[in-house]
């Protein structure tokens, strides 16, 4: 009786399936996630360390970063299992792992990007406290909630049963991939543009020197970078939608997805970092701040503020919406304080503060407002006890 020795091939276990495209995509994903992490840590230090307060918009951006890390982890798994290689060169077992990782990246990409957008809208609630802006913000949050829930759930449940996503031989039903991809991408671009445009009319009405007004608008307009990445991702989606070799052509779409969700996080953090910049490089912003103060002092000395015809510009142009105080300086960030005082500041409606008896938007120290509220509450309590 003869014994045959059967040697099992070990090629699939030892061969590397990390392609050049997978390497470049993985490097971009890791780099942008690290960059987003730096900005989020700077934001947390600014809010918790300098401003001594954390708010819902800060926690929301932390959630976005955690979701981005999950996306990056499965992006790396995709890269190590043949992303960027021709499908014919990938063994079925390796391809199966890549497709499972691809399936899980879709909902986490959407969730990370949506959380970053929600963080920006929550910032708007504090910076622009008018009823019209609150209505616009609530409407946008409602839209994000509805289509965001659809984007995340449809990512998880793209196919019923779920396993049909990576094994097309299983009986079941799948949503049309092209329709789903392009509809979600279009909604991301539309909401990016809406979030970018929302504050510009209000900011443009501020009665400020031109240079400082431009500087202030630019801080908020930096969110336009995420719109650019969304469009680039849409172009790459068109390529993979028309592809006959999706594992090879998926690198561009996956890479732009990583860039987009992390750029969204970075853009959400940028307006919050002025106190940190002022502390690290105090002379960088002092010139513009001093110019704005001299502008205000000159206006005051010329009697412009005391003139019966002196009014701030209409805020959003609506009746009863009040006027914008001319005492707001562009470089004293609307939400995050000035370089000298570390207390928080917000635009606040002050009824009857205008010379015509209308409400006026002025820059208020939130700490002093809270102290005043506490004093009023104490006084009322003592009066009742008597």
Foldseek 3Di string as FASTA:
>chain_A
DDDDDDDDDCCLVPPWQQDPLLVVLLVLLVVLLVVLVVLLVLLCCLVCVQQVDDDPLNVLLVVLSVLSVLLSVLSNLLNRLHQQHFPVPGDLVSLLSNQVSVLVNQLSLLSSLLSLLLSLLVVQCFFPVFPVSVVVSVVLVVVSVVVSVVRNVCSQPQWVVSSCSSPVVDDTDGDDPLVSVLVVLVVSLVSLVVSLPSCVLQLVLAPFPPVLSVVLNVLSNLSCVLNVLSVQLSVLSVVLVPDPGNSNSVSSNSSSSSNNSSSSSSSSSRLSNLLVCCVVPVVVCVVQVVVRVVVVVVCVVVCLQVDPPRFGGDRVPDPLRAHEDNSDGSQLRQFQGHNPDRFTWHFDWDQLPHPVRGTYTDIDRVVVVVVVVVVVVVVVVVVVVD
